[in-house]
Amino acid sequence: MNCPFCHNQHTKVVDKRDSCNKPVTRRRRECLKCKKRFTTYERIETLSLYVVKRSGKVEEFDRDKLKKGILTAVKKRRIADETIDELVSEIELKLLNGKSNYVKSTQIGDMVLKGLLKIDKIGYLLFASVYKDFNNLADFKSALTNLEN
């Protein structure tokens, strides 16, 4: 494993955690050269998932694209990267355990909203404003009313 900071090839595993309900192994590593620490995740390569967009276009599921979308929505919020990674892993696992290899983008968006609601309500609103295409203040008021109930 190469160090993401100095690109040295020699690192050591400091801590390893297996998750009993997720197919992911988390490893904390330390570079033997620069001594900086970083986290890597190991997961089993699984079946291909395909996302059916609103336009009808089909593309392969991209975990990094999902994470980037969530991070973009909550970039000014103080949410730990590990929390976002857990949400992405949870969504991916649910999709992989689904009945079909084809999933609608709206289903993924709803899963993100549900997860963000548990993590951060402001993050939920920020994501919802883009995902649900809020056009005016009434859309935000409606979302706020739903949050309060």
N, C-alpha and C. Protein backbone atom coordinates (compact mmCIF):
# COMPACT_ATOMS: atom_id res chain seq x y z
N MET A 1 0.85 -1.18 0.00
CA MET A 1 0.00 0.00 0.00
C MET A 1 0.89 1.23 0.00
N ASN A 2 0.67 2.14 -0.95
CA ASN A 2 1.45 3.37 -1.03
C ASN A 2 0.88 4.43 -0.10
N CYS A 3 1.75 5.18 0.54
CA CYS A 3 1.35 6.29 1.40
C CYS A 3 0.75 7.39 0.52
N PRO A 4 -0.44 7.90 0.87
CA PRO A 4 -1.04 8.96 0.06
C PRO A 4 -0.35 10.32 0.22
N PHE A 5 0.53 10.43 1.23
CA PHE A 5 1.20 11.70 1.49
C PHE A 5 2.56 11.79 0.80
N CYS A 6 3.40 10.77 1.00
CA CYS A 6 4.76 10.81 0.42
C CYS A 6 4.98 9.75 -0.65
N HIS A 7 3.98 8.90 -0.88
CA HIS A 7 4.00 7.84 -1.91
C HIS A 7 5.01 6.74 -1.66
N ASN A 8 5.48 6.64 -0.42
CA ASN A 8 6.38 5.56 -0.04
C ASN A 8 5.61 4.24 -0.09
N GLN A 9 6.28 3.17 -0.51
CA GLN A 9 5.63 1.88 -0.64
C GLN A 9 5.60 1.08 0.66
N HIS A 10 6.32 1.53 1.66
CA HIS A 10 6.44 0.76 2.88
C HIS A 10 5.58 1.36 3.99
N THR A 11 4.53 0.62 4.33
CA THR A 11 3.63 1.04 5.40
C THR A 11 3.37 -0.16 6.31
N LYS A 12 2.87 0.13 7.48
CA LYS A 12 2.50 -0.97 8.38
C LYS A 12 1.07 -0.76 8.86
N VAL A 13 0.40 -1.87 9.17
CA VAL A 13 -0.95 -1.83 9.69
C VAL A 13 -0.87 -1.63 11.20
N VAL A 14 -1.51 -0.56 11.68
CA VAL A 14 -1.50 -0.24 13.11
C VAL A 14 -2.72 -0.84 13.80
N ASP A 15 -3.86 -0.84 13.10
CA ASP A 15 -5.10 -1.34 13.68
C ASP A 15 -5.97 -1.90 12.56
N LYS A 16 -6.65 -3.01 12.83
CA LYS A 16 -7.52 -3.64 11.84
C LYS A 16 -8.85 -3.94 12.49
N ARG A 17 -9.96 -3.55 11.80
CA ARG A 17 -11.28 -3.83 12.35
C ARG A 17 -12.16 -4.45 11.27
N ASP A 18 -12.69 -5.61 11.60
CA ASP A 18 -13.67 -6.26 10.73
C ASP A 18 -15.05 -5.86 11.22
N SER A 19 -15.94 -5.63 10.29
CA SER A 19 -17.31 -5.30 10.66
C SER A 19 -18.17 -6.53 10.46
N CYS A 20 -18.89 -6.93 11.51
CA CYS A 20 -19.68 -8.16 11.42
C CYS A 20 -20.91 -7.99 10.53
N ASN A 21 -21.44 -6.77 10.40
CA ASN A 21 -22.64 -6.60 9.58
C ASN A 21 -22.36 -5.91 8.24
N LYS A 22 -21.10 -5.61 7.96
CA LYS A 22 -20.73 -5.00 6.68
C LYS A 22 -19.55 -5.77 6.09
N PRO A 23 -19.53 -5.92 4.78
CA PRO A 23 -18.44 -6.67 4.17
C PRO A 23 -17.19 -5.81 3.95
N VAL A 24 -16.76 -5.11 5.00
CA VAL A 24 -15.65 -4.18 4.88
C VAL A 24 -14.66 -4.40 6.02
N THR A 25 -13.37 -4.39 5.68
CA THR A 25 -12.33 -4.43 6.69
C THR A 25 -11.64 -3.07 6.69
N ARG A 26 -11.58 -2.44 7.85
CA ARG A 26 -10.96 -1.12 7.99
C ARG A 26 -9.57 -1.31 8.57
N ARG A 27 -8.58 -0.67 7.94
CA ARG A 27 -7.21 -0.77 8.43
C ARG A 27 -6.63 0.63 8.62
N ARG A 28 -6.07 0.88 9.79
CA ARG A 28 -5.31 2.10 10.03
C ARG A 28 -3.87 1.75 9.71
N ARG A 29 -3.24 2.55 8.88
CA ARG A 29 -1.87 2.29 8.45
C ARG A 29 -0.98 3.47 8.81
N GLU A 30 0.30 3.17 8.94
CA GLU A 30 1.28 4.22 9.20
C GLU A 30 2.42 4.07 8.20
N CYS A 31 2.78 5.19 7.60
CA CYS A 31 3.90 5.19 6.66
C CYS A 31 5.19 5.07 7.46
N LEU A 32 6.08 4.19 7.01
CA LEU A 32 7.34 3.99 7.72
C LEU A 32 8.34 5.11 7.44
N LYS A 33 8.08 5.91 6.40
CA LYS A 33 8.97 7.01 6.06
C LYS A 33 8.55 8.32 6.72
N CYS A 34 7.32 8.78 6.42
CA CYS A 34 6.88 10.09 6.93
C CYS A 34 6.11 10.00 8.26
N LYS A 35 5.77 8.77 8.68
CA LYS A 35 5.10 8.49 9.95
C LYS A 35 3.64 8.99 10.01
N LYS A 36 3.08 9.43 8.89
CA LYS A 36 1.68 9.86 8.89
C LYS A 36 0.79 8.62 8.82
N ARG A 37 -0.42 8.78 9.37
CA ARG A 37 -1.38 7.67 9.40
C ARG A 37 -2.53 7.94 8.44
N PHE A 38 -3.07 6.86 7.91
CA PHE A 38 -4.22 6.95 7.00
C PHE A 38 -5.02 5.67 7.11
N THR A 39 -6.25 5.73 6.61
CA THR A 39 -7.17 4.59 6.71
C THR A 39 -7.44 4.02 5.33
N THR A 40 -7.45 2.70 5.24
CA THR A 40 -7.84 2.03 4.01
C THR A 40 -9.01 1.09 4.33
N TYR A 41 -9.82 0.84 3.31
CA TYR A 41 -10.95 -0.07 3.45
C TYR A 41 -10.83 -1.16 2.40
N GLU A 42 -11.04 -2.38 2.83
CA GLU A 42 -10.99 -3.53 1.92
C GLU A 42 -12.38 -4.14 1.87
N ARG A 43 -12.89 -4.32 0.65
CA ARG A 43 -14.20 -4.95 0.50
C ARG A 43 -14.13 -5.93 -0.65
N ILE A 44 -14.99 -6.90 -0.59
CA ILE A 44 -15.06 -7.92 -1.63
C ILE A 44 -15.72 -7.33 -2.87
N GLU A 45 -15.14 -7.57 -4.01
CA GLU A 45 -15.72 -7.13 -5.27
C GLU A 45 -16.96 -7.98 -5.52
N THR A 46 -18.05 -7.33 -5.80
CA THR A 46 -19.32 -8.05 -5.91
C THR A 46 -19.95 -7.83 -7.28
N LEU A 47 -21.21 -8.22 -7.37
CA LEU A 47 -21.96 -8.07 -8.60
C LEU A 47 -22.01 -6.63 -9.06
N SER A 48 -22.13 -6.44 -10.35
CA SER A 48 -22.27 -5.09 -10.88
C SER A 48 -23.69 -4.59 -10.63
N LEU A 49 -23.75 -3.34 -10.25
CA LEU A 49 -25.03 -2.67 -10.07
C LEU A 49 -25.16 -1.61 -11.16
N TYR A 50 -26.38 -1.41 -11.62
CA TYR A 50 -26.63 -0.41 -12.64
C TYR A 50 -27.69 0.56 -12.15
N VAL A 51 -27.44 1.84 -12.41
CA VAL A 51 -28.37 2.89 -11.99
C VAL A 51 -29.15 3.36 -13.20
N VAL A 52 -30.48 3.38 -13.05
CA VAL A 52 -31.36 3.89 -14.10
C VAL A 52 -31.68 5.33 -13.73
N LYS A 53 -31.16 6.26 -14.54
CA LYS A 53 -31.36 7.68 -14.28
C LYS A 53 -32.78 8.10 -14.63
N ARG A 54 -33.17 9.29 -14.22
CA ARG A 54 -34.51 9.81 -14.52
C ARG A 54 -34.74 9.91 -16.02
N SER A 55 -33.68 10.17 -16.76
CA SER A 55 -33.79 10.30 -18.22
C SER A 55 -33.96 8.95 -18.91
N GLY A 56 -33.75 7.86 -18.15
CA GLY A 56 -33.81 6.53 -18.73
C GLY A 56 -32.45 5.96 -19.05
N LYS A 57 -31.43 6.81 -19.01
CA LYS A 57 -30.05 6.37 -19.26
C LYS A 57 -29.61 5.43 -18.15
N VAL A 58 -28.85 4.39 -18.51
CA VAL A 58 -28.36 3.42 -17.53
C VAL A 58 -26.84 3.54 -17.44
N GLU A 59 -26.35 3.61 -16.21
CA GLU A 59 -24.89 3.64 -16.01
C GLU A 59 -24.53 2.76 -14.82
N GLU A 60 -23.29 2.35 -14.79
CA GLU A 60 -22.83 1.48 -13.71
C GLU A 60 -22.79 2.26 -12.39
N PHE A 61 -23.17 1.59 -11.31
CA PHE A 61 -23.14 2.22 -9.98
C PHE A 61 -21.71 2.58 -9.64
N ASP A 62 -21.52 3.79 -9.17
CA ASP A 62 -20.19 4.28 -8.81
C ASP A 62 -20.22 4.76 -7.36
N ARG A 63 -19.64 3.98 -6.51
CA ARG A 63 -19.60 4.29 -5.07
C ARG A 63 -18.97 5.65 -4.82
N ASP A 64 -17.91 5.96 -5.53
CA ASP A 64 -17.22 7.24 -5.34
C ASP A 64 -18.10 8.42 -5.77
N LYS A 65 -18.88 8.22 -6.82
CA LYS A 65 -19.79 9.28 -7.28
C LYS A 65 -20.87 9.54 -6.23
N LEU A 66 -21.38 8.49 -5.61
CA LEU A 66 -22.35 8.63 -4.53
C LEU A 66 -21.75 9.40 -3.37
N LYS A 67 -20.55 9.02 -2.97
CA LYS A 67 -19.89 9.69 -1.85
C LYS A 67 -19.63 11.16 -2.19
N LYS A 68 -19.17 11.40 -3.40
CA LYS A 68 -18.88 12.78 -3.82
C LYS A 68 -20.15 13.64 -3.78
N GLY A 69 -21.27 13.07 -4.21
CA GLY A 69 -22.53 13.80 -4.18
C GLY A 69 -22.95 14.17 -2.77
N ILE A 70 -22.78 13.23 -1.85
CA ILE A 70 -23.12 13.50 -0.45
C ILE A 70 -22.17 14.54 0.13
N LEU A 71 -20.88 14.37 -0.13
CA LEU A 71 -19.89 15.32 0.39
C LEU A 71 -20.12 16.73 -0.14
N THR A 72 -20.51 16.84 -1.39
CA THR A 72 -20.79 18.15 -1.98
C THR A 72 -21.93 18.83 -1.25
N ALA A 73 -22.95 18.07 -0.94
CA ALA A 73 -24.12 18.64 -0.26
C ALA A 73 -23.82 19.06 1.17
N VAL A 74 -22.91 18.35 1.84
CA VAL A 74 -22.65 18.62 3.26
C VAL A 74 -21.25 19.18 3.51
N LYS A 75 -20.62 19.76 2.48
CA LYS A 75 -19.22 20.16 2.62
C LYS A 75 -18.97 21.21 3.69
N LYS A 76 -19.94 22.05 3.99
CA LYS A 76 -19.74 23.06 5.02
C LYS A 76 -20.24 22.60 6.39
N ARG A 77 -20.71 21.36 6.46
CA ARG A 77 -21.14 20.79 7.72
C ARG A 77 -19.97 20.01 8.33
N ARG A 78 -19.97 19.87 9.62
CA ARG A 78 -18.89 19.13 10.28
C ARG A 78 -19.32 17.70 10.49
N ILE A 79 -19.25 16.94 9.41
CA ILE A 79 -19.60 15.53 9.47
C ILE A 79 -18.34 14.73 9.16
N ALA A 80 -18.00 13.81 10.01
CA ALA A 80 -16.77 13.03 9.85
C ALA A 80 -16.82 12.20 8.58
N ASP A 81 -15.67 12.06 7.93
CA ASP A 81 -15.58 11.24 6.71
C ASP A 81 -16.01 9.81 6.99
N GLU A 82 -15.69 9.31 8.18
CA GLU A 82 -16.07 7.95 8.53
C GLU A 82 -17.59 7.78 8.55
N THR A 83 -18.28 8.82 8.99
CA THR A 83 -19.75 8.78 9.03
C THR A 83 -20.31 8.72 7.62
N ILE A 84 -19.75 9.50 6.72
CA ILE A 84 -20.18 9.49 5.31
C ILE A 84 -19.86 8.13 4.69
N ASP A 85 -18.66 7.60 4.97
CA ASP A 85 -18.28 6.28 4.45
C ASP A 85 -19.24 5.20 4.93
N GLU A 86 -19.64 5.28 6.19
CA GLU A 86 -20.59 4.30 6.74
C GLU A 86 -21.94 4.39 6.02
N LEU A 87 -22.39 5.63 5.75
CA LEU A 87 -23.66 5.82 5.05
C LEU A 87 -23.57 5.25 3.64
N VAL A 88 -22.49 5.52 2.95
CA VAL A 88 -22.31 5.01 1.59
C VAL A 88 -22.26 3.48 1.60
N SER A 89 -21.55 2.90 2.56
CA SER A 89 -21.47 1.44 2.67
C SER A 89 -22.83 0.83 2.95
N GLU A 90 -23.58 1.47 3.82
CA GLU A 90 -24.93 0.99 4.17
C GLU A 90 -25.83 1.01 2.93
N ILE A 91 -25.78 2.09 2.17
CA ILE A 91 -26.60 2.19 0.95
C ILE A 91 -26.17 1.15 -0.07
N GLU A 92 -24.86 1.02 -0.26
CA GLU A 92 -24.35 0.04 -1.23
C GLU A 92 -24.77 -1.38 -0.85
N LEU A 93 -24.68 -1.70 0.43
CA LEU A 93 -25.05 -3.04 0.90
C LEU A 93 -26.54 -3.31 0.66
N LYS A 94 -27.38 -2.33 0.94
CA LYS A 94 -28.81 -2.49 0.68
C LYS A 94 -29.08 -2.70 -0.81
N LEU A 95 -28.37 -1.97 -1.64
CA LEU A 95 -28.56 -2.12 -3.09
C LEU A 95 -28.10 -3.49 -3.56
N LEU A 96 -26.98 -3.95 -3.04
CA LEU A 96 -26.46 -5.27 -3.43
C LEU A 96 -27.36 -6.40 -2.96
N ASN A 97 -28.05 -6.19 -1.86
CA ASN A 97 -28.96 -7.21 -1.33
C ASN A 97 -30.35 -7.11 -1.95
N GLY A 98 -30.54 -6.16 -2.84
CA GLY A 98 -31.84 -6.00 -3.49
C GLY A 98 -32.12 -7.12 -4.47
N LYS A 99 -33.32 -7.09 -5.01
CA LYS A 99 -33.76 -8.15 -5.91
C LYS A 99 -33.17 -8.02 -7.31
N SER A 100 -32.77 -6.82 -7.69
CA SER A 100 -32.32 -6.59 -9.06
C SER A 100 -30.97 -5.90 -9.08
N ASN A 101 -30.24 -6.08 -10.18
CA ASN A 101 -28.98 -5.37 -10.38
C ASN A 101 -29.22 -3.97 -10.92
N TYR A 102 -30.48 -3.66 -11.25
CA TYR A 102 -30.84 -2.34 -11.76
C TYR A 102 -31.64 -1.61 -10.69
N VAL A 103 -31.19 -0.42 -10.36
CA VAL A 103 -31.84 0.37 -9.32
C VAL A 103 -32.06 1.79 -9.85
N LYS A 104 -33.20 2.36 -9.50
CA LYS A 104 -33.51 3.71 -9.95
C LYS A 104 -32.72 4.72 -9.13
N SER A 105 -32.29 5.78 -9.78
CA SER A 105 -31.53 6.82 -9.09
C SER A 105 -32.36 7.45 -7.98
N THR A 106 -33.68 7.51 -8.17
CA THR A 106 -34.55 8.08 -7.14
C THR A 106 -34.53 7.24 -5.88
N GLN A 107 -34.38 5.92 -6.03
CA GLN A 107 -34.30 5.03 -4.86
C GLN A 107 -33.02 5.34 -4.07
N ILE A 108 -31.94 5.56 -4.79
CA ILE A 108 -30.66 5.88 -4.13
C ILE A 108 -30.79 7.23 -3.42
N GLY A 109 -31.37 8.21 -4.10
CA GLY A 109 -31.56 9.53 -3.50
C GLY A 109 -32.38 9.46 -2.23
N ASP A 110 -33.44 8.66 -2.24
CA ASP A 110 -34.27 8.50 -1.04
C ASP A 110 -33.49 7.86 0.10
N MET A 111 -32.62 6.90 -0.24
CA MET A 111 -31.79 6.26 0.79
C MET A 111 -30.81 7.26 1.41
N VAL A 112 -30.25 8.13 0.56
CA VAL A 112 -29.34 9.16 1.06
C VAL A 112 -30.08 10.10 2.00
N LEU A 113 -31.26 10.53 1.58
CA LEU A 113 -32.06 11.44 2.42
C LEU A 113 -32.37 10.80 3.78
N LYS A 114 -32.76 9.54 3.76
CA LYS A 114 -33.09 8.83 5.00
C LYS A 114 -31.85 8.76 5.91
N GLY A 115 -30.70 8.48 5.32
CA GLY A 115 -29.46 8.39 6.10
C GLY A 115 -29.04 9.74 6.65
N LEU A 116 -29.13 10.78 5.82
CA LEU A 116 -28.74 12.12 6.28
C LEU A 116 -29.67 12.64 7.35
N LEU A 117 -30.91 12.24 7.31
CA LEU A 117 -31.88 12.67 8.33
C LEU A 117 -31.43 12.19 9.71
N LYS A 118 -30.84 11.00 9.77
CA LYS A 118 -30.36 10.46 11.04
C LYS A 118 -29.05 11.14 11.48
N ILE A 119 -28.25 11.54 10.50
CA ILE A 119 -26.91 12.08 10.78
C ILE A 119 -26.94 13.58 11.07
N ASP A 120 -27.60 14.35 10.17
CA ASP A 120 -27.53 15.81 10.25
C ASP A 120 -28.70 16.41 9.49
N LYS A 121 -29.59 17.09 10.20
CA LYS A 121 -30.80 17.61 9.56
C LYS A 121 -30.51 18.74 8.58
N ILE A 122 -29.50 19.54 8.85
CA ILE A 122 -29.13 20.60 7.90
C ILE A 122 -28.55 19.96 6.64
N GLY A 123 -27.72 18.95 6.81
CA GLY A 123 -27.19 18.21 5.66
C GLY A 123 -28.31 17.60 4.84
N TYR A 124 -29.33 17.11 5.54
CA TYR A 124 -30.52 16.57 4.87
C TYR A 124 -31.16 17.64 3.99
N LEU A 125 -31.36 18.83 4.54
CA LEU A 125 -31.98 19.92 3.78
C LEU A 125 -31.13 20.34 2.58
N LEU A 126 -29.82 20.41 2.78
CA LEU A 126 -28.93 20.80 1.69
C LEU A 126 -28.98 19.78 0.55
N PHE A 127 -28.97 18.51 0.90
CA PHE A 127 -29.04 17.46 -0.13
C PHE A 127 -30.41 17.49 -0.80
N ALA A 128 -31.47 17.62 0.01
CA ALA A 128 -32.83 17.62 -0.51
C ALA A 128 -33.06 18.78 -1.47
N SER A 129 -32.44 19.93 -1.19
CA SER A 129 -32.65 21.10 -2.04
C SER A 129 -32.16 20.85 -3.46
N VAL A 130 -31.11 20.06 -3.60
CA VAL A 130 -30.60 19.73 -4.94
C VAL A 130 -31.35 18.52 -5.51
N TYR A 131 -31.48 17.47 -4.70
CA TYR A 131 -32.11 16.23 -5.15
C TYR A 131 -33.57 16.45 -5.55
N LYS A 132 -34.29 17.20 -4.74
CA LYS A 132 -35.71 17.43 -5.02
C LYS A 132 -35.94 18.70 -5.83
N ASP A 133 -34.84 19.36 -6.23
CA ASP A 133 -34.89 20.53 -7.11
C ASP A 133 -35.78 21.64 -6.55
N PHE A 134 -35.43 22.08 -5.32
CA PHE A 134 -36.18 23.18 -4.72
C PHE A 134 -36.03 24.41 -5.59
N ASN A 135 -37.14 25.08 -5.88
CA ASN A 135 -37.13 26.25 -6.74
C ASN A 135 -37.46 27.54 -6.01
N ASN A 136 -38.05 27.43 -4.83
CA ASN A 136 -38.45 28.64 -4.13
C ASN A 136 -38.47 28.37 -2.62
N LEU A 137 -38.78 29.42 -1.90
CA LEU A 137 -38.79 29.35 -0.44
C LEU A 137 -39.86 28.40 0.08
N ALA A 138 -40.96 28.28 -0.63
CA ALA A 138 -42.05 27.39 -0.21
C ALA A 138 -41.58 25.94 -0.15
N ASP A 139 -40.70 25.56 -1.08
CA ASP A 139 -40.15 24.20 -1.08
C ASP A 139 -39.35 23.94 0.20
N PHE A 140 -38.54 24.94 0.61
CA PHE A 140 -37.78 24.80 1.85
C PHE A 140 -38.70 24.76 3.06
N LYS A 141 -39.71 25.62 3.06
CA LYS A 141 -40.66 25.63 4.18
C LYS A 141 -41.36 24.28 4.33
N SER A 142 -41.74 23.71 3.21
CA SER A 142 -42.40 22.41 3.23
C SER A 142 -41.47 21.34 3.81
N ALA A 143 -40.21 21.37 3.38
CA ALA A 143 -39.23 20.40 3.90
C ALA A 143 -39.00 20.62 5.39
N LEU A 144 -38.93 21.87 5.82
CA LEU A 144 -38.75 22.17 7.25
C LEU A 144 -39.94 21.69 8.07
N THR A 145 -41.14 21.87 7.54
CA THR A 145 -42.34 21.40 8.23
C THR A 145 -42.31 19.89 8.38
N ASN A 146 -41.87 19.18 7.34
CA ASN A 146 -41.75 17.72 7.43
C ASN A 146 -40.71 17.30 8.45
N LEU A 147 -39.62 18.07 8.58
CA LEU A 147 -38.58 17.76 9.56
C LEU A 147 -39.08 17.94 10.99
N GLU A 148 -39.90 18.96 11.18
CA GLU A 148 -40.39 19.27 12.53
C GLU A 148 -41.41 18.25 13.02
N ASN A 149 -42.07 17.54 12.09
CA ASN A 149 -43.10 16.57 12.47
C ASN A 149 -42.53 15.22 12.76
